[in-house]
PDB file of N, CA and C in Angstrom:
ATOM      1  N   MET A   1      82.208 199.798 107.495  1.00  0.00           N
ATOM      2  CA  MET A   1      83.201 198.808 107.253  1.00  0.00           C
ATOM      3  C   MET A   1      82.621 197.554 108.015  1.00  0.00           C
ATOM      4  N   VAL A   2      82.873 196.346 107.474  1.00  0.00           N
ATOM      5  CA  VAL A   2      82.557 195.212 108.161  1.00  0.00           C
ATOM      6  C   VAL A   2      83.971 194.431 108.540  1.00  0.00           C
ATOM      7  N   VAL A   3      84.434 193.953 109.684  1.00  0.00           N
ATOM      8  CA  VAL A   3      85.451 193.246 109.915  1.00  0.00           C
ATOM      9  C   VAL A   3      85.364 191.858 109.830  1.00  0.00           C
ATOM     10  N   HIS A   4      86.036 190.959 109.175  1.00  0.00           N
ATOM     11  CA  HIS A   4      85.629 189.382 109.091  1.00  0.00           C
ATOM     12  C   HIS A   4      86.971 189.091 108.814  1.00  0.00           C
ATOM     13  N   TYR A   5      87.187 187.879 109.669  1.00  0.00           N
ATOM     14  CA  TYR A   5      88.436 187.285 109.657  1.00  0.00           C
ATOM     15  C   TYR A   5      89.705 188.164 109.918  1.00  0.00           C
ATOM     16  N   GLY A   6      89.427 189.362 110.805  1.00  0.00           N
ATOM     17  CA  GLY A   6      90.459 190.136 111.050  1.00  0.00           C
ATOM     18  C   GLY A   6      90.766 191.121 109.947  1.00  0.00           C
ATOM     19  N   ARG A   7      89.881 191.109 108.617  1.00  0.00           N
ATOM     20  CA  ARG A   7      90.160 192.216 107.758  1.00  0.00           C
ATOM     21  C   ARG A   7      88.926 193.111 107.466  1.00  0.00           C
ATOM     22  N   GLU A   8      89.308 194.412 107.133  1.00  0.00           N
ATOM     23  CA  GLU A   8      88.024 195.251 107.034  1.00  0.00           C
ATOM     24  C   GLU A   8      87.494 195.064 105.726  1.00  0.00           C
ATOM     25  N   LEU A   9      86.177 195.114 105.474  1.00  0.00           N
ATOM     26  CA  LEU A   9      85.558 194.689 104.172  1.00  0.00           C
ATOM     27  C   LEU A   9      84.333 195.696 104.150  1.00  0.00           C
ATOM     28  N   SER A  10      83.922 196.197 102.994  1.00  0.00           N
ATOM     29  CA  SER A  10      82.713 197.047 103.038  1.00  0.00           C
ATOM     30  C   SER A  10      81.668 195.900 103.118  1.00  0.00           C
ATOM     31  N   PRO A  11      80.536 196.484 103.440  1.00  0.00           N
ATOM     32  CA  PRO A  11      79.314 195.303 103.657  1.00  0.00           C
ATOM     33  C   PRO A  11      79.347 194.318 102.550  1.00  0.00           C
ATOM     34  N   MET A  12      79.330 194.765 101.418  1.00  0.00           N
ATOM     35  CA  MET A  12      79.231 193.889 100.246  1.00  0.00           C
ATOM     36  C   MET A  12      80.058 194.349  98.992  1.00  0.00           C
ATOM     37  N   GLU A  13      81.088 193.419  98.537  1.00  0.00           N
ATOM     38  CA  GLU A  13      81.871 193.672  97.324  1.00  0.00           C
ATOM     39  C   GLU A  13      81.389 192.896  96.391  1.00  0.00           C
ATOM     40  N   VAL A  14      81.040 193.168  95.088  1.00  0.00           N
ATOM     41  CA  VAL A  14      80.523 192.072  93.965  1.00  0.00           C
ATOM     42  C   VAL A  14      81.632 192.320  92.997  1.00  0.00           C
ATOM     43  N   LYS A  15      81.929 191.110  92.418  1.00  0.00           N
ATOM     44  CA  LYS A  15      82.502 191.116  91.115  1.00  0.00           C
ATOM     45  C   LYS A  15      82.198 189.901  90.318  1.00  0.00           C
ATOM     46  N   ARG A  16      82.016 190.223  88.890  1.00  0.00           N
ATOM     47  CA  ARG A  16      81.317 189.020  88.253  1.00  0.00           C
ATOM     48  C   ARG A  16      82.666 188.305  87.761  1.00  0.00           C
ATOM     49  N   ILE A  17      82.498 187.044  88.055  1.00  0.00           N
ATOM     50  CA  ILE A  17      83.660 185.927  87.488  1.00  0.00           C
ATOM     51  C   ILE A  17      82.885 185.060  86.611  1.00  0.00           C
ATOM     52  N   ARG A  18      84.023 184.382  86.024  1.00  0.00           N
ATOM     53  CA  ARG A  18      83.519 183.301  84.830  1.00  0.00           C
ATOM     54  C   ARG A  18      83.587 181.952  85.607  1.00  0.00           C
ATOM     55  N   VAL A  19      82.603 180.966  85.159  1.00  0.00           N
ATOM     56  CA  VAL A  19      82.822 179.668  85.489  1.00  0.00           C
ATOM     57  C   VAL A  19      83.072 178.889  84.252  1.00  0.00           C
ATOM     58  N   SER A  20      84.313 178.118  84.641  1.00  0.00           N
ATOM     59  CA  SER A  20      84.768 177.459  83.501  1.00  0.00           C
ATOM     60  C   SER A  20      84.076 176.115  82.831  1.00  0.00           C
ATOM     61  N   ASP A  21      84.146 175.445  81.820  1.00  0.00           N
ATOM     62  CA  ASP A  21      83.375 174.480  81.537  1.00  0.00           C
ATOM     63  C   ASP A  21      83.631 173.279  82.453  1.00  0.00           C
ATOM     64  N   LYS A  22      84.691 173.283  83.371  1.00  0.00           N
ATOM     65  CA  LYS A  22      84.860 172.269  84.256  1.00  0.00           C
ATOM     66  C   LYS A  22      84.465 172.774  85.805  1.00  0.00           C
ATOM     67  N   ARG A  23      83.644 173.703  85.771  1.00  0.00           N
ATOM     68  CA  ARG A  23      83.098 174.243  86.951  1.00  0.00           C
ATOM     69  C   ARG A  23      84.358 175.089  87.987  1.00  0.00           C
ATOM     70  N   GLN A  24      85.227 175.657  87.286  1.00  0.00           N
ATOM     71  CA  GLN A  24      86.296 176.161  88.072  1.00  0.00           C
ATOM     72  C   GLN A  24      86.079 177.855  88.050  1.00  0.00           C
ATOM     73  N   ILE A  25      86.468 178.407  89.083  1.00  0.00           N
ATOM     74  CA  ILE A  25      86.470 179.686  89.172  1.00  0.00           C
ATOM     75  C   ILE A  25      87.826 180.349  89.561  1.00  0.00           C
ATOM     76  N   THR A  26      88.184 181.637  89.393  1.00  0.00           N
ATOM     77  CA  THR A  26      89.318 182.317  89.907  1.00  0.00           C
ATOM     78  C   THR A  26      88.772 183.434  90.769  1.00  0.00           C
ATOM     79  N   ILE A  27      89.288 183.083  92.005  1.00  0.00           N
ATOM     80  CA  ILE A  27      88.972 184.168  93.019  1.00  0.00           C
ATOM     81  C   ILE A  27      89.607 185.406  92.744  1.00  0.00           C
ATOM     82  N   PRO A  28      89.088 186.570  92.710  1.00  0.00           N
ATOM     83  CA  PRO A  28      89.613 187.841  92.335  1.00  0.00           C
ATOM     84  C   PRO A  28      90.678 187.926  93.424  1.00  0.00           C
ATOM     85  N   LYS A  29      92.066 188.483  93.055  1.00  0.00           N
ATOM     86  CA  LYS A  29      93.023 188.820  93.904  1.00  0.00           C
ATOM     87  C   LYS A  29      92.739 189.383  94.941  1.00  0.00           C
ATOM     88  N   ASN A  30      92.173 190.654  94.902  1.00  0.00           N
ATOM     89  CA  ASN A  30      91.875 191.446  96.210  1.00  0.00           C
ATOM     90  C   ASN A  30      90.877 190.811  97.099  1.00  0.00           C
ATOM     91  N   PHE A  31      90.045 189.893  96.673  1.00  0.00           N
ATOM     92  CA  PHE A  31      89.251 189.172  97.577  1.00  0.00           C
ATOM     93  C   PHE A  31      90.055 188.116  98.106  1.00  0.00           C
ATOM     94  N   PHE A  32      90.798 187.469  97.550  1.00  0.00           N
ATOM     95  CA  PHE A  32      91.673 186.512  97.963  1.00  0.00           C
ATOM     96  C   PHE A  32      92.716 186.967  99.208  1.00  0.00           C
ATOM     97  N   GLU A  33      93.310 188.091  98.778  1.00  0.00           N
ATOM     98  CA  GLU A  33      94.337 188.730  99.847  1.00  0.00           C
ATOM     99  C   GLU A  33      93.442 189.448 101.209  1.00  0.00           C
ATOM    100  N   LYS A  34      92.193 189.890 100.959  1.00  0.00           N
ATOM    101  CA  LYS A  34      91.533 190.434 102.003  1.00  0.00           C
ATOM    102  C   LYS A  34      91.153 189.309 103.108  1.00  0.00           C
ATOM    103  N   LEU A  35      90.724 188.077 102.395  1.00  0.00           N
ATOM    104  CA  LEU A  35      90.164 187.037 103.331  1.00  0.00           C
ATOM    105  C   LEU A  35      91.590 186.116 103.730  1.00  0.00           C
ATOM    106  N   ASN A  36      92.587 186.462 103.243  1.00  0.00           N
ATOM    107  CA  ASN A  36      93.954 185.883 103.757  1.00  0.00           C
ATOM    108  C   ASN A  36      93.888 184.451 103.382  1.00  0.00           C
ATOM    109  N   LEU A  37      93.292 184.029 102.173  1.00  0.00           N
ATOM    110  CA  LEU A  37      93.063 182.597 101.880  1.00  0.00           C
ATOM    111  C   LEU A  37      94.405 182.127 101.809  1.00  0.00           C
ATOM    112  N   GLY A  38      94.526 180.801 102.104  1.00  0.00           N
ATOM    113  CA  GLY A  38      95.739 179.940 101.759  1.00  0.00           C
ATOM    114  C   GLY A  38      95.370 178.851 100.862  1.00  0.00           C
ATOM    115  N   GLU A  39      96.122 177.704 101.027  1.00  0.00           N
ATOM    116  CA  GLU A  39      96.021 176.502 100.219  1.00  0.00           C
ATOM    117  C   GLU A  39      94.721 175.789 100.013  1.00  0.00           C
ATOM    118  N   GLU A  40      93.891 175.906 101.176  1.00  0.00           N
ATOM    119  CA  GLU A  40      92.518 175.398 101.248  1.00  0.00           C
ATOM    120  C   GLU A  40      91.657 176.388 101.685  1.00  0.00           C
ATOM    121  N   ALA A  41      90.438 176.244 101.382  1.00  0.00           N
ATOM    122  CA  ALA A  41      89.195 177.167 101.896  1.00  0.00           C
ATOM    123  C   ALA A  41      87.921 176.144 101.990  1.00  0.00           C
ATOM    124  N   ASP A  42      87.234 176.804 102.814  1.00  0.00           N
ATOM    125  CA  ASP A  42      85.838 175.997 103.127  1.00  0.00           C
ATOM    126  C   ASP A  42      85.007 176.514 101.972  1.00  0.00           C
ATOM    127  N   CYS A  43      84.185 175.758 101.380  1.00  0.00           N
ATOM    128  CA  CYS A  43      83.129 176.209 100.424  1.00  0.00           C
ATOM    129  C   CYS A  43      81.642 175.636 100.923  1.00  0.00           C
ATOM    130  N   ILE A  44      80.773 176.420 101.370  1.00  0.00           N
ATOM    131  CA  ILE A  44      79.531 176.021 101.881  1.00  0.00           C
ATOM    132  C   ILE A  44      78.497 176.464 100.931  1.00  0.00           C
ATOM    133  N   PHE A  45      77.623 175.670 100.817  1.00  0.00           N
ATOM    134  CA  PHE A  45      76.310 176.075 100.000  1.00  0.00           C
ATOM    135  C   PHE A  45      75.355 176.033 100.808  1.00  0.00           C
ATOM    136  N   ASP A  46      74.785 177.453 100.786  1.00  0.00           N
ATOM    137  CA  ASP A  46      73.627 177.910 101.616  1.00  0.00           C
ATOM    138  C   ASP A  46      72.351 177.727 100.735  1.00  0.00           C
ATOM    139  N   LYS A  47      71.742 176.339 100.840  1.00  0.00           N
ATOM    140  CA  LYS A  47      70.480 176.134 100.003  1.00  0.00           C
ATOM    141  C   LYS A  47      69.233 177.134 100.177  1.00  0.00           C
ATOM    142  N   ASP A  48      69.038 177.649 101.489  1.00  0.00           N
ATOM    143  CA  ASP A  48      68.118 178.665 101.860  1.00  0.00           C
ATOM    144  C   ASP A  48      68.290 179.948 100.949  1.00  0.00           C
ATOM    145  N   ARG A  49      69.458 180.362 100.880  1.00  0.00           N
ATOM    146  CA  ARG A  49      69.744 181.769 100.018  1.00  0.00           C
ATOM    147  C   ARG A  49      70.312 181.358  98.707  1.00  0.00           C
ATOM    148  N   GLY A  50      70.506 180.161  98.413  1.00  0.00           N
ATOM    149  CA  GLY A  50      70.989 179.893  96.923  1.00  0.00           C
ATOM    150  C   GLY A  50      72.398 180.507  96.822  1.00  0.00           C
ATOM    151  N   GLU A  51      73.246 180.314  97.846  1.00  0.00           N
ATOM    152  CA  GLU A  51      74.486 180.992  97.542  1.00  0.00           C
ATOM    153  C   GLU A  51      75.776 179.972  98.055  1.00  0.00           C
ATOM    154  N   ILE A  52      76.946 180.195  97.336  1.00  0.00           N
ATOM    155  CA  ILE A  52      77.902 179.539  97.729  1.00  0.00           C
ATOM    156  C   ILE A  52      78.848 180.517  98.514  1.00  0.00           C
ATOM    157  N   ILE A  53      79.300 180.201  99.531  1.00  0.00           N
ATOM    158  CA  ILE A  53      80.071 181.014 100.366  1.00  0.00           C
ATOM    159  C   ILE A  53      81.628 180.412 100.658  1.00  0.00           C
ATOM    160  N   ILE A  54      82.758 181.000 100.453  1.00  0.00           N
ATOM    161  CA  ILE A  54      83.966 180.530 100.362  1.00  0.00           C
ATOM    162  C   ILE A  54      84.775 181.478 101.571  1.00  0.00           C
ATOM    163  N   ARG A  55      85.284 180.633 102.445  1.00  0.00           N
ATOM    164  CA  ARG A  55      85.980 181.467 103.422  1.00  0.00           C
ATOM    165  C   ARG A  55      87.305 180.538 103.933  1.00  0.00           C
ATOM    166  N   PRO A  56      88.272 181.166 104.653  1.00  0.00           N
ATOM    167  CA  PRO A  56      89.485 180.591 104.899  1.00  0.00           C
ATOM    168  C   PRO A  56      89.187 179.262 105.685  1.00  0.00           C
ATOM    169  N   HIS A  57      89.990 178.334 105.441  1.00  0.00           N
ATOM    170  CA  HIS A  57      89.863 177.097 106.183  1.00  0.00           C
ATOM    171  C   HIS A  57      90.743 177.372 107.413  1.00  0.00           C
ATOM    172  N   LEU A  58      90.283 177.226 108.547  1.00  0.00           N
ATOM    173  CA  LEU A  58      91.034 177.227 109.843  1.00  0.00           C
ATOM    174  C   LEU A  58      91.413 175.841 110.112  1.00  0.00           C
ATOM    175  N   LYS A  59      92.767 175.858 110.282  1.00  0.00           N
ATOM    176  CA  LYS A  59      93.379 174.476 110.366  1.00  0.00           C
ATOM    177  C   LYS A  59      93.241 173.967 111.781  1.00  0.00           C
ATOM    178  N   ASP A  60      92.904 174.676 112.818  1.00  0.00           N
ATOM    179  CA  ASP A  60      92.627 174.199 114.336  1.00  0.00           C
ATOM    180  C   ASP A  60      91.410 173.695 114.477  1.00  0.00           C
ATOM    181  N   ASP A  61      90.553 173.706 113.755  1.00  0.00           N
ATOM    182  CA  ASP A  61      89.275 173.018 113.629  1.00  0.00           C
ATOM    183  C   ASP A  61      88.980 171.521 113.692  1.00  0.00           C
ATOM    184  N   ASP A  62      90.254 171.051 113.539  1.00  0.00           N
ATOM    185  CA  ASP A  62      90.126 169.292 113.489  1.00  0.00           C
ATOM    186  C   ASP A  62      90.180 168.720 114.897  1.00  0.00           C
ATOM    187  N   PHE A  63      90.604 169.389 115.685  1.00  0.00           N
ATOM    188  CA  PHE A  63      90.472 168.954 117.214  1.00  0.00           C
ATOM    189  C   PHE A  63      91.651 167.957 117.413  1.00  0.00           C
ATOM    190  N   SER A  64      92.827 168.153 116.511  1.00  0.00           N
ATOM    191  CA  SER A  64      93.989 167.203 116.604  1.00  0.00           C
ATOM    192  C   SER A  64      94.563 166.984 117.945  1.00  0.00           C
ATOM    193  N   GLU A  65      94.787 168.436 118.655  1.00  0.00           N
ATOM    194  CA  GLU A  65      95.642 168.249 119.673  1.00  0.00           C
ATOM    195  C   GLU A  65      94.496 167.606 121.025  1.00  0.00           C
ATOM    196  N   PHE A  66      93.383 167.827 120.865  1.00  0.00           N
ATOM    197  CA  PHE A  66      92.480 167.276 121.800  1.00  0.00           C
ATOM    198  C   PHE A  66      92.400 165.812 121.700  1.00  0.00           C
ATOM    199  N   ILE A  67      92.174 165.325 120.506  1.00  0.00           N
ATOM    200  CA  ILE A  67      92.264 164.013 120.229  1.00  0.00           C
ATOM    201  C   ILE A  67      93.576 163.309 120.672  1.00  0.00           C
ATOM    202  N   LEU A  68      94.793 163.729 120.413  1.00  0.00           N
ATOM    203  CA  LEU A  68      96.097 163.229 120.817  1.00  0.00           C
ATOM    204  C   LEU A  68      96.121 163.319 122.270  1.00  0.00           C
ATOM    205  N   ALA A  69      95.750 164.279 123.148  1.00  0.00           N
ATOM    206  CA  ALA A  69      95.839 164.305 124.533  1.00  0.00           C
ATOM    207  C   ALA A  69      94.928 163.402 125.236  1.00  0.00           C
ATOM    208  N   ASP A  70      93.646 163.213 124.518  1.00  0.00           N
ATOM    209  CA  ASP A  70      93.024 162.222 125.107  1.00  0.00           C
ATOM    210  C   ASP A  70      93.239 160.678 125.074  1.00  0.00           C
ATOM    211  N   LEU A  71      94.033 160.346 123.907  1.00  0.00           N
ATOM    212  CA  LEU A  71      94.388 159.156 123.418  1.00  0.00           C
ATOM    213  C   LEU A  71      95.594 158.751 124.308  1.00  0.00           C
ATOM    214  N   ILE A  72      96.381 159.690 124.670  1.00  0.00           N
ATOM    215  CA  ILE A  72      97.735 159.720 125.377  1.00  0.00           C
ATOM    216  C   ILE A  72      97.305 159.251 126.899  1.00  0.00           C
ATOM    217  N   ASN A  73      96.183 160.115 127.234  1.00  0.00           N
ATOM    218  CA  ASN A  73      95.538 159.950 128.602  1.00  0.00           C
ATOM    219  C   ASN A  73      95.154 158.558 128.673  1.00  0.00           C
ATOM    220  N   GLN A  74      94.549 158.019 127.708  1.00  0.00           N
ATOM    221  CA  GLN A  74      94.195 156.596 127.608  1.00  0.00           C
ATOM    222  C   GLN A  74      95.249 155.495 127.751  1.00  0.00           C
ATOM    223  N   GLY A  75      96.451 155.867 127.541  1.00  0.00           N
ATOM    224  CA  GLY A  75      97.516 154.945 127.530  1.00  0.00           C
ATOM    225  C   GLY A  75      98.022 154.494 126.228  1.00  0.00           C
ATOM    226  N   TYR A  76      97.365 155.284 125.084  1.00  0.00           N
ATOM    227  CA  TYR A  76      98.135 154.811 123.786  1.00  0.00           C
ATOM    228  C   TYR A  76      99.386 155.574 123.504  1.00  0.00           C
ATOM    229  N   GLY A  77     100.203 154.612 122.813  1.00  0.00           N
ATOM    230  CA  GLY A  77     101.377 155.063 122.334  1.00  0.00           C
ATOM    231  C   GLY A  77     101.876 154.379 121.166  1.00  0.00           C
ATOM    232  N   GLY A  78     102.944 154.911 120.623  1.00  0.00           N
ATOM    233  CA  GLY A  78     103.520 154.262 119.465  1.00  0.00           C
ATOM    234  C   GLY A  78     102.460 154.030 118.071  1.00  0.00           C
ATOM    235  N   ASN A  79     102.578 152.935 117.377  1.00  0.00           N
ATOM    236  CA  ASN A  79     101.729 152.473 116.409  1.00  0.00           C
ATOM    237  C   ASN A  79     100.260 152.476 116.743  1.00  0.00           C
ATOM    238  N   ALA A  80      99.964 152.124 118.093  1.00  0.00           N
ATOM    239  CA  ALA A  80      98.492 151.896 118.363  1.00  0.00           C
ATOM    240  C   ALA A  80      97.998 153.393 118.486  1.00  0.00           C
ATOM    241  N   LEU A  81      98.794 154.376 118.963  1.00  0.00           N
ATOM    242  CA  LEU A  81      98.473 155.898 119.081  1.00  0.00           C
ATOM    243  C   LEU A  81      98.264 156.282 117.766  1.00  0.00           C
ATOM    244  N   LEU A  82      99.074 155.988 116.737  1.00  0.00           N
ATOM    245  CA  LEU A  82      98.901 156.470 115.353  1.00  0.00           C
ATOM    246  C   LEU A  82      97.560 156.020 114.953  1.00  0.00           C
ATOM    247  N   SER A  83      97.444 154.785 114.833  1.00  0.00           N
ATOM    248  CA  SER A  83      96.089 154.039 114.296  1.00  0.00           C
ATOM    249  C   SER A  83      94.982 154.542 114.927  1.00  0.00           C
ATOM    250  N   GLU A  84      94.796 154.638 116.184  1.00  0.00           N
ATOM    251  CA  GLU A  84      93.712 155.090 116.895  1.00  0.00           C
ATOM    252  C   GLU A  84      93.247 156.654 116.590  1.00  0.00           C
ATOM    253  N   PHE A  85      94.457 157.316 116.454  1.00  0.00           N
ATOM    254  CA  PHE A  85      94.455 158.863 116.101  1.00  0.00           C
ATOM    255  C   PHE A  85      93.602 158.985 114.830  1.00  0.00           C
ATOM    256  N   LYS A  86      94.256 158.295 113.806  1.00  0.00           N
ATOM    257  CA  LYS A  86      93.630 158.293 112.472  1.00  0.00           C
ATOM    258  C   LYS A  86      92.224 157.879 112.466  1.00  0.00           C
ATOM    259  N   ARG A  87      91.988 156.817 113.346  1.00  0.00           N
ATOM    260  CA  ARG A  87      90.293 156.458 113.378  1.00  0.00           C
ATOM    261  C   ARG A  87      89.448 157.451 113.951  1.00  0.00           C
ATOM    262  N   MET A  88      89.966 158.133 115.060  1.00  0.00           N
ATOM    263  CA  MET A  88      89.173 159.142 115.839  1.00  0.00           C
ATOM    264  C   MET A  88      88.872 160.445 114.889  1.00  0.00           C
ATOM    265  N   LYS A  89      90.239 160.758 114.234  1.00  0.00           N
ATOM    266  CA  LYS A  89      90.064 161.956 113.187  1.00  0.00           C
ATOM    267  C   LYS A  89      89.131 161.826 112.174  1.00  0.00           C
ATOM    268  N   LYS A  90      89.075 160.653 111.675  1.00  0.00           N
ATOM    269  CA  LYS A  90      88.068 160.467 110.463  1.00  0.00           C
ATOM    270  C   LYS A  90      86.580 160.718 110.916  1.00  0.00           C
ATOM    271  N   ARG A  91      86.264 160.419 112.395  1.00  0.00           N
ATOM    272  CA  ARG A  91      84.917 160.490 112.889  1.00  0.00           C
ATOM    273  C   ARG A  91      84.622 161.850 113.098  1.00  0.00           C
ATOM    274  N   ILE A  92      85.512 162.888 113.162  1.00  0.00           N
ATOM    275  CA  ILE A  92      85.191 164.232 113.656  1.00  0.00           C
ATOM    276  C   ILE A  92      84.495 164.978 112.310  1.00  0.00           C
ATOM    277  N   ARG A  93      84.656 165.022 111.232  1.00  0.00           N
ATOM    278  CA  ARG A  93      83.988 165.772 110.211  1.00  0.00           C
ATOM    279  C   ARG A  93      82.423 165.364 110.080  1.00  0.00           C
ATOM    280  N   PRO A  94      82.278 163.914 110.117  1.00  0.00           N
ATOM    281  CA  PRO A  94      80.924 163.518 110.019  1.00  0.00           C
ATOM    282  C   PRO A  94      79.972 164.010 111.442  1.00  0.00           C
ATOM    283  N   ALA A  95      80.627 164.032 112.526  1.00  0.00           N
ATOM    284  CA  ALA A  95      79.873 164.182 113.875  1.00  0.00           C
ATOM    285  C   ALA A  95      79.793 165.876 113.691  1.00  0.00           C
ATOM    286  N   VAL A  96      80.495 166.558 113.235  1.00  0.00           N
ATOM    287  CA  VAL A  96      80.447 167.998 113.242  1.00  0.00           C
ATOM    288  C   VAL A  96      79.276 168.238 112.171  1.00  0.00           C
ATOM    289  N   GLU A  97      79.223 167.768 110.991  1.00  0.00           N
ATOM    290  CA  GLU A  97      78.156 167.773 110.087  1.00  0.00           C
ATOM    291  C   GLU A  97      77.024 167.589 110.527  1.00  0.00           C
ATOM    292  N   ARG A  98      76.821 166.424 111.348  1.00  0.00           N
ATOM    293  CA  ARG A  98      75.615 166.049 111.984  1.00  0.00           C
ATOM    294  C   ARG A  98      75.205 167.233 112.969  1.00  0.00           C
ATOM    295  N   MET A  99      75.960 167.690 113.675  1.00  0.00           N
ATOM    296  CA  MET A  99      75.541 168.569 114.777  1.00  0.00           C
ATOM    297  C   MET A  99      75.160 169.758 114.036  1.00  0.00           C
ATOM    298  N   ILE A 100      75.884 170.161 112.902  1.00  0.00           N
ATOM    299  CA  ILE A 100      75.332 171.376 112.047  1.00  0.00           C
ATOM    300  C   ILE A 100      73.841 171.223 111.587  1.00  0.00           C
ATOM    301  N   GLU A 101      73.858 170.019 110.979  1.00  0.00           N
ATOM    302  CA  GLU A 101      72.349 169.666 110.406  1.00  0.00           C
ATOM    303  C   GLU A 101      71.351 169.764 111.480  1.00  0.00           C
ATOM    304  N   GLU A 102      71.505 169.230 112.706  1.00  0.00           N
ATOM    305  CA  GLU A 102      70.680 169.193 113.722  1.00  0.00           C
ATOM    306  C   GLU A 102      70.327 170.665 114.074  1.00  0.00           C
ATOM    307  N   ALA A 103      71.484 171.416 114.302  1.00  0.00           N
ATOM    308  CA  ALA A 103      71.147 173.018 114.685  1.00  0.00           C
ATOM    309  C   ALA A 103      70.440 173.755 113.572  1.00  0.00           C
ATOM    310  N   ASP A 104      70.610 173.384 112.419  1.00  0.00           N
ATOM    311  CA  ASP A 104      69.870 173.848 111.159  1.00  0.00           C
ATOM    312  C   ASP A 104      68.461 173.495 111.224  1.00  0.00           C
ATOM    313  N   GLN A 105      68.121 172.223 111.663  1.00  0.00           N
ATOM    314  CA  GLN A 105      66.663 171.746 111.723  1.00  0.00           C
ATOM    315  C   GLN A 105      66.047 172.520 112.742  1.00  0.00           C
ATOM    316  N   THR A 106      66.891 172.573 113.770  1.00  0.00           N
ATOM    317  CA  THR A 106      66.386 173.120 115.180  1.00  0.00           C
ATOM    318  C   THR A 106      66.079 174.806 114.936  1.00  0.00           C
ATOM    319  N   ALA A 107      66.823 175.259 114.216  1.00  0.00           N
ATOM    320  CA  ALA A 107      66.615 176.977 113.782  1.00  0.00           C
ATOM    321  C   ALA A 107      65.618 177.068 112.824  1.00  0.00           C
ATOM    322  N   ALA A 108      65.216 175.999 111.897  1.00  0.00           N
ATOM    323  CA  ALA A 108      64.141 176.278 110.893  1.00  0.00           C
ATOM    324  C   ALA A 108      62.929 176.144 111.744  1.00  0.00           C
ATOM    325  N   GLN A 109      62.863 175.532 112.724  1.00  0.00           N
ATOM    326  CA  GLN A 109      61.436 175.307 113.512  1.00  0.00           C
ATOM    327  C   GLN A 109      61.370 176.421 114.550  1.00  0.00           C
ATOM    328  N   MET A 110      62.330 177.272 114.901  1.00  0.00           N
ATOM    329  CA  MET A 110      62.235 178.417 115.704  1.00  0.00           C
ATOM    330  C   MET A 110      61.331 179.346 115.106  1.00  0.00           C
ATOM    331  N   LYS A 111      60.599 180.153 115.561  1.00  0.00           N
ATOM    332  CA  LYS A 111      59.733 181.323 115.144  1.00  0.00           C
ATOM    333  C   LYS A 111      60.278 182.296 116.028  1.00  0.00           C
ATOM    334  N   GLY A 112      60.135 183.517 115.351  1.00  0.00           N
ATOM    335  CA  GLY A 112      60.478 184.778 116.155  1.00  0.00           C
ATOM    336  C   GLY A 112      61.945 185.072 116.170  1.00  0.00           C
ATOM    337  N   THR A 113      62.583 185.824 117.267  1.00  0.00           N
ATOM    338  CA  THR A 113      64.067 186.214 117.241  1.00  0.00           C
ATOM    339  C   THR A 113      64.512 185.266 118.104  1.00  0.00           C
ATOM    340  N   GLY A 114      63.940 184.404 119.148  1.00  0.00           N
ATOM    341  CA  GLY A 114      64.530 183.711 120.113  1.00  0.00           C
ATOM    342  C   GLY A 114      64.894 184.378 121.290  1.00  0.00           C
ATOM    343  N   ASP A 115      64.535 185.693 121.473  1.00  0.00           N
ATOM    344  CA  ASP A 115      64.786 186.520 122.784  1.00  0.00           C
ATOM    345  C   ASP A 115      63.937 186.011 123.772  1.00  0.00           C
ATOM    346  N   ASP A 116      62.792 185.359 123.651  1.00  0.00           N
ATOM    347  CA  ASP A 116      62.086 184.855 124.624  1.00  0.00           C
ATOM    348  C   ASP A 116      62.761 183.712 125.332  1.00  0.00           C
ATOM    349  N   GLU A 117      63.053 182.934 124.309  1.00  0.00           N
ATOM    350  CA  GLU A 117      63.699 181.736 124.880  1.00  0.00           C
ATOM    351  C   GLU A 117      65.009 181.941 125.699  1.00  0.00           C
ATOM    352  N   ILE A 118      65.884 182.948 125.271  1.00  0.00           N
ATOM    353  CA  ILE A 118      67.195 182.998 126.129  1.00  0.00           C
ATOM    354  C   ILE A 118      67.235 184.192 127.215  1.00  0.00           C
ATOM    355  N   SER A 119      66.008 184.714 127.331  1.00  0.00           N
ATOM    356  CA  SER A 119      65.828 186.171 128.486  1.00  0.00           C
ATOM    357  C   SER A 119      66.328 185.642 129.649  1.00  0.00           C
ATOM    358  N   GLU A 120      66.069 184.276 129.984  1.00  0.00           N
ATOM    359  CA  GLU A 120      66.319 183.930 131.402  1.00  0.00           C
ATOM    360  C   GLU A 120      67.691 183.856 131.691  1.00  0.00           C
ATOM    361  N   ILE A 121      68.368 183.460 130.575  1.00  0.00           N
ATOM    362  CA  ILE A 121      69.910 183.126 130.736  1.00  0.00           C
ATOM    363  C   ILE A 121      70.515 184.553 130.975  1.00  0.00           C
ATOM    364  N   PHE A 122      70.159 185.621 130.474  1.00  0.00           N
ATOM    365  CA  PHE A 122      70.920 186.974 130.601  1.00  0.00           C
ATOM    366  C   PHE A 122      70.242 187.524 131.462  1.00  0.00           C
ATOM    367  N   ALA A 123      68.999 187.365 132.152  1.00  0.00           N
ATOM    368  CA  ALA A 123      68.262 188.229 132.994  1.00  0.00           C
ATOM    369  C   ALA A 123      69.085 188.418 134.299  1.00  0.00           C
ATOM    370  N   ASP A 124      68.951 189.507 134.891  1.00  0.00           N
ATOM    371  CA  ASP A 124      69.630 189.885 136.312  1.00  0.00           C
ATOM    372  C   ASP A 124      68.996 188.853 137.367  1.00  0.00           C
ATOM    373  N   THR A 125      69.630 188.318 137.951  1.00  0.00           N
ATOM    374  CA  THR A 125      68.945 187.400 139.254  1.00  0.00           C
ATOM    375  C   THR A 125      69.440 187.820 140.417  1.00  0.00           C
ATOM    376  N   GLU A 126      68.299 187.978 141.184  1.00  0.00           N
ATOM    377  CA  GLU A 126      68.345 188.243 142.735  1.00  0.00           C
ATOM    378  C   GLU A 126      68.358 187.289 143.677  1.00  0.00           C
ATOM    379  N   ASP A 127      69.326 187.188 144.468  1.00  0.00           N
ATOM    380  CA  ASP A 127      69.156 186.145 145.572  1.00  0.00           C
ATOM    381  C   ASP A 127      68.567 186.568 146.732  1.00  0.00           C
TER     382      ASP A 127
END
């Protein structure tokens, strides 16, 4: 069994589904329940594998609390706080997407397992 998002799954469960003329799909009920999907899900296209991945959208990934705390510390309040919060929040997704793209490019250039590159980090050190 594989545990993913707190749920037990077999390593691979496959079910053929229909794609409508409008490119819509219905997620099988047991998949929906096992992933504990809500009203939103993240849909990822893995171009290297030619796969679409659907996973639960984690609401805490937008950094709202961090943004608000930072803006309050900077002295924002009232309508100015709201305006600046909206502006900053719009910048999060593009920044994260750029970071993911850069990580993908770096990973594509890597050769081997990466064990040699990180061995120093986890090696026992003697003083």
